[in-house]
Protein backbone atom coordinates (compact mmCIF):
# COMPACT_ATOMS: atom_id res chain seq x y z
CA MET A 1 275.51 111.49 118.61
CA ILE A 2 275.20 109.24 115.57
CA ALA A 3 273.01 109.80 112.52
CA PHE A 4 272.08 106.67 110.56
CA LEU A 5 271.25 107.16 106.88
CA ARG A 6 270.83 104.74 104.01
CA ASP A 7 272.17 105.59 100.58
CA LEU A 8 269.79 105.66 97.64
CA SER A 9 269.15 102.39 95.87
CA PRO A 10 271.59 101.79 92.99
CA ASP A 11 268.54 100.86 90.93
CA LEU A 12 266.65 104.07 91.68
CA GLY A 13 266.44 105.17 88.04
CA ASP A 14 265.22 101.77 86.87
CA SER A 15 262.74 101.55 89.74
CA LEU A 16 261.24 104.89 88.78
CA LYS A 17 260.87 103.73 85.20
CA LYS A 18 259.17 100.51 86.29
CA GLU A 19 256.53 102.45 88.19
CA GLY A 20 255.76 104.55 85.14
CA SER A 21 257.90 107.62 85.94
CA ARG A 22 255.11 109.14 87.99
CA ARG A 23 257.74 111.21 89.78
CA ALA A 24 260.03 113.40 87.69
CA VAL A 25 263.12 112.85 89.83
CA ASN A 26 266.60 113.87 88.73
CA VAL A 27 268.43 110.81 90.08
CA GLU A 28 271.92 112.29 89.84
CA ARG A 29 270.81 115.42 91.68
CA ALA A 30 269.04 113.32 94.31
CA ARG A 31 272.27 111.43 95.04
CA LYS A 32 274.20 114.70 95.31
CA GLN A 33 271.60 116.17 97.68
CA HIS A 34 271.74 113.08 99.87
CA ALA A 35 275.54 113.38 100.03
CA ASN A 36 275.27 117.08 100.91
CA TYR A 37 272.78 116.26 103.67
CA ARG A 38 275.29 113.83 105.16
CA LYS A 39 277.97 116.52 104.89
CA ALA A 40 275.77 119.04 106.70
CA LEU A 41 275.22 116.60 109.56
CA ALA A 42 278.94 115.94 109.84
CA GLU A 43 279.68 119.67 109.91
CA LEU A 44 277.36 119.95 112.91
CA GLY A 45 279.57 117.50 114.77
CA VAL A 46 277.31 114.48 114.23
CA GLU A 47 278.92 111.12 113.48
CA VAL A 48 277.33 109.78 110.30
CA GLU A 49 276.92 106.05 109.72
CA LEU A 50 275.86 105.20 106.19
CA LEU A 51 273.90 101.99 105.79
CA PRO A 52 274.48 100.05 102.56
CA PRO A 53 271.86 100.62 99.84
CA LEU A 54 269.26 97.96 99.13
CA PRO A 55 268.80 97.12 95.46
CA ASP A 56 265.24 97.25 94.11
CA LYS A 57 264.05 98.97 97.31
CA LEU A 58 262.95 102.43 96.19
CA ASP A 59 261.84 103.65 99.63
CA SER A 60 264.63 102.04 101.65
CA VAL A 61 266.31 105.46 101.89
CA PHE A 62 263.64 106.35 104.48
CA VAL A 63 265.35 104.69 107.45
CA ASP A 64 262.72 105.78 109.98
CA GLU A 65 260.01 103.82 108.17
CA PHE A 66 259.77 100.98 110.71
CA THR A 67 261.85 102.26 113.60
CA VAL A 68 261.49 104.35 116.77
CA LEU A 69 264.91 104.99 118.31
CA LEU A 70 264.96 105.99 121.99
CA PRO A 71 267.89 106.38 124.41
CA GLU A 72 266.90 103.12 126.10
CA VAL A 73 265.68 100.91 123.26
CA ALA A 74 265.13 100.60 119.51
CA ILE A 75 261.58 99.58 118.58
CA VAL A 76 261.14 97.99 115.15
CA GLY A 77 257.68 97.66 113.63
CA ARG A 78 256.33 94.91 111.43
CA PRO A 79 256.01 95.95 107.76
CA ALA A 80 252.49 95.80 106.38
CA THR A 81 253.82 93.78 103.44
CA GLY A 82 256.26 90.90 103.77
CA GLU A 83 258.39 92.16 100.87
CA ARG A 84 259.67 94.99 103.09
CA ASN A 85 260.83 92.71 105.91
CA LYS A 86 264.36 92.93 104.55
CA GLU A 87 264.45 96.71 105.15
CA ALA A 88 263.29 96.40 108.74
CA GLU A 89 265.69 93.54 109.48
CA ALA A 90 268.63 95.44 107.97
CA VAL A 91 268.02 98.49 110.18
CA ALA A 92 267.45 96.31 113.26
CA SER A 93 270.76 94.49 112.77
CA VAL A 94 272.67 97.79 112.73
CA LEU A 95 270.86 99.34 115.69
CA ALA A 96 271.40 96.17 117.74
CA GLN A 97 275.05 97.22 118.04
CA TYR A 98 273.97 100.32 119.98
CA ARG A 99 270.62 99.60 121.63
CA PRO A 100 268.53 96.62 122.72
CA VAL A 101 266.09 95.93 119.89
CA GLN A 102 262.47 94.99 120.51
CA TRP A 103 260.06 94.06 117.72
CA THR A 104 256.38 94.86 117.83
CA ASP A 105 253.85 92.02 117.97
CA SER A 106 253.19 90.00 114.82
CA SER A 107 249.94 91.84 114.00
CA ALA A 108 251.35 95.24 114.90
CA GLU A 109 252.23 97.72 112.18
CA LEU A 110 254.27 100.74 113.27
CA SER A 111 256.04 103.50 111.34
CA GLY A 112 258.55 105.81 112.94
CA SER A 113 257.11 108.61 110.79
CA ASP A 114 253.95 108.42 112.89
CA VAL A 115 255.76 108.82 116.24
CA LEU A 116 256.98 112.10 117.73
CA CYS A 117 258.97 111.89 120.96
CA ILE A 118 258.90 114.93 123.26
CA GLY A 119 260.53 114.26 126.59
CA HIS A 120 258.99 111.07 127.97
CA THR A 121 255.81 111.35 125.90
CA LEU A 122 255.40 109.54 122.59
CA TYR A 123 252.71 111.11 120.40
CA VAL A 124 251.44 108.58 117.84
CA SER A 125 248.96 108.80 114.96
CA LEU A 126 247.05 106.07 113.18
CA SER A 127 247.83 105.80 109.48
CA LYS A 128 248.04 103.32 106.65
CA ARG A 129 251.44 102.27 108.10
CA THR A 130 250.55 102.32 111.82
CA ASN A 131 247.57 100.42 113.20
CA ALA A 132 245.98 100.15 116.64
CA ASP A 133 247.91 96.95 117.40
CA GLY A 134 251.13 98.79 116.58
CA ILE A 135 250.32 101.55 119.04
CA ALA A 136 249.37 99.05 121.74
CA SER A 137 252.58 97.11 121.17
CA LEU A 138 254.64 100.32 121.32
CA GLN A 139 252.96 101.24 124.58
CA GLY A 140 253.81 97.88 126.11
CA ILE A 141 257.46 98.17 125.10
CA VAL A 142 258.10 101.72 126.34
CA ARG A 143 256.04 101.71 129.55
CA PRO A 144 258.81 100.05 131.63
CA PHE A 145 261.12 102.92 130.61
CA GLY A 146 258.72 105.55 131.94
CA TYR A 147 257.24 106.73 128.64
CA GLU A 148 253.60 107.69 128.10
CA VAL A 149 251.95 107.09 124.72
CA LYS A 150 249.30 109.55 123.49
CA VAL A 151 247.28 108.96 120.34
CA VAL A 152 246.71 112.09 118.22
CA GLU A 153 244.66 112.71 115.09
CA VAL A 154 246.18 113.86 111.81
CA ARG A 155 243.54 115.31 109.51
CA SER A 156 245.00 113.87 106.31
CA GLU A 157 246.84 110.82 105.01
CA LYS A 158 250.13 112.42 106.01
CA SER A 159 252.31 111.00 108.75
CA LEU A 160 252.57 112.77 112.10
CA ARG A 161 256.12 113.99 111.52
CA GLU A 162 255.14 115.45 108.16
CA VAL A 163 252.78 117.86 109.92
CA CYS A 164 254.76 118.72 113.06
CA SER A 165 258.20 118.60 114.64
CA PHE A 166 259.71 119.58 117.97
CA ALA A 167 262.40 122.22 118.51
CA PRO A 168 263.62 122.12 122.13
CA PRO A 169 262.93 123.32 124.67
CA ARG A 170 259.23 124.09 124.04
CA LEU A 171 258.49 124.95 120.42
CA LEU A 172 256.24 122.90 118.13
CA VAL A 173 256.61 123.58 114.40
CA VAL A 174 253.22 122.68 113.00
CA HIS A 175 250.78 122.71 110.08
CA GLN A 176 247.55 123.69 111.88
CA ARG A 177 245.65 122.71 108.76
CA TRP A 178 246.33 119.05 109.47
CA ILE A 179 246.65 118.82 113.27
CA ASN A 180 245.46 120.67 116.37
CA PRO A 181 248.57 121.95 118.20
CA SER A 182 246.73 122.32 121.52
CA ILE A 183 246.91 118.55 122.04
CA PHE A 184 250.63 118.91 122.75
CA ASP A 185 250.74 119.81 126.43
CA GLY A 186 252.80 122.81 127.53
CA LEU A 187 254.21 123.72 124.12
CA HIS A 188 254.16 126.95 122.16
CA TYR A 189 253.75 126.56 118.45
CA LEU A 190 254.96 128.12 115.23
CA GLN A 191 252.55 127.90 112.31
CA VAL A 192 253.95 126.75 108.96
CA PRO A 193 252.57 128.46 105.81
CA ASP A 194 250.14 126.30 103.85
CA ASP A 195 252.22 126.68 100.67
CA GLU A 196 255.28 125.06 102.30
CA PRO A 197 254.22 121.42 102.78
CA PHE A 198 257.67 120.33 104.03
CA GLY A 199 258.07 123.19 106.50
CA ALA A 200 256.94 121.23 109.55
CA SER A 201 259.56 118.51 109.05
CA THR A 202 262.43 120.21 110.86
CA LEU A 203 265.28 118.44 112.63
CA THR A 204 267.00 120.04 115.62
CA LEU A 205 270.51 118.82 116.46
CA GLY A 206 272.20 120.56 119.37
CA HIS A 207 271.69 124.30 118.89
CA THR A 208 270.82 124.15 115.16
CA THR A 209 267.48 123.48 113.48
CA LEU A 210 267.68 122.04 109.98
CA ILE A 211 265.03 123.23 107.52
CA SER A 212 264.37 122.30 103.90
CA ALA A 213 265.53 124.89 101.36
CA SER A 214 262.04 124.66 99.84
CA CYS A 215 260.62 126.43 102.91
CA PRO A 216 262.07 129.98 103.12
CA LYS A 217 259.00 131.43 104.85
CA THR A 218 259.17 128.83 107.60
CA GLU A 219 262.88 129.46 108.01
CA LYS A 220 262.22 133.18 108.42
CA ARG A 221 259.69 132.45 111.16
CA LEU A 222 262.11 130.11 112.92
CA LYS A 223 264.79 132.78 112.90
CA ALA A 224 262.32 135.36 114.22
CA ALA A 225 261.63 132.95 117.10
CA GLY A 226 265.34 133.00 117.94
CA LEU A 227 266.35 129.63 116.50
CA VAL A 228 269.62 129.06 114.69
CA THR A 229 268.77 127.46 111.35
CA ARG A 230 270.62 125.66 108.59
CA ARG A 231 269.08 125.28 105.15
CA VAL A 232 269.37 121.89 103.42
CA GLU A 233 268.51 121.32 99.75
CA ILE A 234 266.56 118.04 99.36
CA SER A 235 264.10 118.97 96.59
CA GLU A 236 264.65 115.76 94.58
CA LEU A 237 264.34 113.62 97.71
CA GLU A 238 261.08 115.41 98.53
CA LYS A 239 259.76 114.32 95.14
CA LEU A 240 260.37 110.75 96.30
CA GLY A 241 258.21 111.41 99.38
CA GLY A 242 261.07 112.18 101.74
CA ASN A 243 261.78 114.93 104.23
CA LEU A 244 264.59 115.74 106.66
CA THR A 245 263.28 113.43 109.39
CA ARG A 246 262.40 110.44 107.19
CA LEU A 247 265.96 110.27 105.89
CA VAL A 248 267.72 109.84 109.22
CA LEU A 249 267.66 108.08 112.58
CA VAL A 250 269.48 109.94 115.34
CA LYS A 251 271.06 108.18 118.30
CA GLU A 252 271.68 110.52 121.20
CA SER A 253 274.87 110.02 123.19
CA ARG A 254 274.47 108.19 126.47
CA VAL A 255 275.88 109.80 129.59
CA ASN A 256 278.95 107.97 130.90
CA GLY A 257 279.08 107.82 134.67
CA PRO A 258 276.71 109.33 137.21
CA VAL A 259 275.13 112.73 136.67
CA ILE A 260 275.46 114.87 139.76
CA VAL A 261 272.56 117.26 140.22
CA HIS A 262 272.26 119.39 143.34
CA SER A 263 269.03 118.70 145.15
CA ASP A 264 267.91 122.32 145.09
CA LEU A 265 268.39 122.84 141.35
CA LYS A 266 265.07 123.14 139.52
CA THR A 267 264.14 124.03 135.96
CA VAL A 268 261.08 126.24 135.55
CA THR A 269 258.89 124.72 132.83
CA ASP A 270 255.45 125.97 133.83
CA SER A 271 253.28 126.03 130.71
CA LYS A 272 251.85 129.44 131.66
CA ALA A 273 255.26 131.07 131.41
CA PRO A 274 256.37 132.51 128.05
CA PHE A 275 258.78 130.26 126.19
CA SER A 276 262.49 131.01 125.89
CA VAL A 277 263.94 131.07 122.40
CA GLY A 278 266.85 128.87 121.45
CA HIS A 279 268.32 126.15 123.64
CA ALA A 280 267.31 127.62 127.00
CA SER A 281 264.87 127.12 129.85
CA PRO A 282 262.68 130.03 130.97
CA ALA A 283 264.47 129.96 134.32
CA ILE A 284 266.70 127.89 136.58
CA ILE A 285 266.32 127.97 140.37
CA TYR A 286 269.42 127.30 142.39
CA GLY A 287 270.65 128.34 145.82
CA GLY A 288 267.57 130.44 146.57
CA LEU A 289 267.92 132.43 143.34
CA ALA A 290 265.92 132.42 140.10
CA TYR A 291 268.04 132.94 136.98
CA VAL A 292 265.64 134.06 134.23
CA SER A 293 266.59 133.74 130.55
CA LEU A 294 266.49 136.69 128.20
CA GLN A 295 262.81 137.51 127.73
CA PHE A 296 261.38 139.10 124.59
CA PRO A 297 258.25 141.18 123.91
CA PHE A 298 256.40 138.28 122.35
CA ASP A 299 252.88 137.41 123.30
CA PRO A 300 253.10 134.16 125.32
CA ALA A 301 250.82 132.43 122.80
CA SER A 302 252.73 133.53 119.71
CA VAL A 303 256.23 133.73 118.25
CA ASN A 304 255.40 136.48 115.76
CA PRO A 305 257.56 139.61 115.94
CA PRO A 306 255.84 142.34 117.99
CA SER A 307 254.31 145.46 116.44
CA LEU A 308 254.62 147.66 119.53
CA THR A 309 256.29 150.90 120.55
CA PRO A 310 259.51 150.71 122.62
CA GLU A 311 257.52 151.52 125.76
CA GLN A 312 254.89 148.87 125.00
CA GLN A 313 257.60 146.30 124.27
CA THR A 314 259.20 147.03 127.65
CA GLU A 315 255.84 146.52 129.36
CA ARG A 316 255.39 143.20 127.55
CA VAL A 317 258.91 142.02 128.41
CA LEU A 318 258.48 142.80 132.12
CA SER A 319 255.05 141.13 132.07
CA ASN A 320 256.67 137.99 130.63
CA ILE A 321 259.42 138.14 133.27
CA ALA A 322 256.76 138.49 135.98
CA ALA A 323 255.04 135.33 134.64
CA VAL A 324 258.29 133.36 134.79
CA LEU A 325 259.07 134.67 138.29
CA ASN A 326 255.59 133.75 139.46
CA SER A 327 256.24 130.16 138.32
CA ALA A 328 259.53 130.30 140.24
CA GLY A 329 257.84 131.53 143.42
CA CYS A 330 258.70 135.25 143.45
CA THR A 331 257.83 138.61 141.84
CA LEU A 332 259.45 141.63 140.21
CA ALA A 333 259.94 143.03 143.71
CA ASN A 334 262.47 140.21 144.29
CA VAL A 335 264.66 141.10 141.30
CA LEU A 336 268.28 141.67 142.36
CA ARG A 337 269.84 142.32 138.96
CA ALA A 338 268.51 143.17 135.51
CA THR A 339 270.39 143.21 132.21
CA VAL A 340 268.65 145.24 129.49
CA HIS A 341 269.47 144.48 125.83
CA LEU A 342 268.71 147.27 123.34
CA ALA A 343 268.48 146.97 119.56
CA ASP A 344 268.98 150.73 119.23
CA PRO A 345 270.21 152.99 122.11
CA ARG A 346 268.03 155.79 120.73
CA HIS A 347 265.01 154.08 122.28
CA LEU A 348 266.49 154.12 125.79
CA GLY A 349 264.40 157.09 126.95
CA GLU A 350 261.06 155.41 126.15
CA ILE A 351 262.25 152.06 127.52
CA GLU A 352 263.49 153.72 130.72
CA SER A 353 260.14 155.40 131.22
CA ALA A 354 258.21 152.12 131.22
CA TYR A 355 260.93 150.31 133.21
CA ALA A 356 260.94 152.93 136.01
CA ARG A 357 257.13 153.05 136.15
CA ILE A 358 256.79 149.28 136.56
CA PHE A 359 259.59 148.80 139.09
CA ALA A 360 258.51 151.99 140.94
CA GLU A 361 260.50 152.38 144.17
CA HIS A 362 262.40 149.13 143.63
CA ARG A 363 265.77 149.71 141.92
CA PRO A 364 267.54 146.45 141.00
CA VAL A 365 271.21 146.52 140.04
CA ARG A 366 271.22 147.00 136.27
CA SER A 367 273.38 146.79 133.16
CA ILE A 368 272.45 148.08 129.70
CA LEU A 369 273.87 146.47 126.56
CA SER A 370 273.58 147.20 122.86
CA ASN A 371 272.62 143.93 121.15
CA GLN A 372 272.39 143.81 117.36
CA ALA A 373 271.58 140.08 117.43
CA LEU A 374 268.04 140.57 118.76
CA PRO A 375 265.33 139.02 116.54
CA PRO A 376 263.79 141.27 113.84
CA GLY A 377 261.29 143.73 115.30
CA VAL A 378 262.51 143.30 118.88
CA LEU A 379 263.67 146.60 120.36
CA VAL A 380 264.28 145.46 123.93
CA ALA A 381 264.87 142.20 125.84
CA ILE A 382 265.67 141.75 129.52
CA GLU A 383 267.17 139.01 131.71
CA VAL A 384 267.06 139.04 135.51
CA VAL A 385 268.25 137.31 138.65
CA ALA A 386 265.78 137.29 141.54
CA ALA A 387 265.75 136.10 145.15
CA ILE A 388 263.21 133.55 146.31
CA ALA A 389 261.81 133.80 149.83
CA ALA A 390 262.72 130.77 151.97
CA ASP A 391 259.08 129.85 152.56
CA ARG A 392 258.39 129.88 148.79
CA HIS A 393 261.42 127.96 147.60
CA PRO A 394 260.16 125.03 145.48
């Protein structure tokens, strides 16, 4: 994985003065924060490639401005003003070493800040930097690679990736004030507080989700949802109009050689099933068995910590497991093994009461573990392995 960043313009201080100092930016601190951001990426195991700064180009630090970088191709948009052609050409020349580069049509304006890629769907919003011709051109470029383009509405002048971001496998971090999260098919969403405008601009790399240090409430909610977070201080860069995603282009590693996948391996991604926190699928089906990830007592439509008794939490957990198993083609009666994770062993009696009532005469093999790493407010979580009847195997 490579992260492309561009250093701040050497003329940043002068450029700010020329525009009338409308932004009270501490230039020295901004440079230090940019360096620390690069260091944080490197510490996560990401190879960092620093593009040379462009003099007199105040916004050139935002490398995603004209670019959408996919595993198959790099799409470069046409700047709305000719004076910014140099920025787009500079990024294109670097990316050409790693990906085929395709430019949008001459009348097409496209900003990477207005494009959010989730799987093989590109969500795109119209803005002052992305026009209808840009979206049409993008669609023509990515269609041969199997991507679908969906146009979404942002209820402000903000870019799409200012108001939402994606944390795999199924979590949308979103400002509901500015966009309707229901337009994103099959995702669960985490609402960002209105007083943290940069909270929705998260960046997930591997198992870690980066979050701006200016958004402690959002970070708390991400942690409650089971995500591993890393705080990054970019306050001066935010004054320039930046955020974590505008400052970087990420190139995912390509797989070398063939990927061998057994024909009967299937990932359960049914949108009706509760989401799994962290880097995990709700369930994997293989060899006639359904391996269900650790399920929590969250409501399927929310990631807020539960306010339930131990018994009620157990009921909710087993209900969530039943939903996942239903998507996999079986039920709780097919469970072979259950592993129960307890935040506090003192609650075992109440948890056991609900567990025994729901499973009734069925007694799966079971292990009980004390787990102090459960999210705040979670008293019990359960993972299971279940058998799938031959006539119901997907």
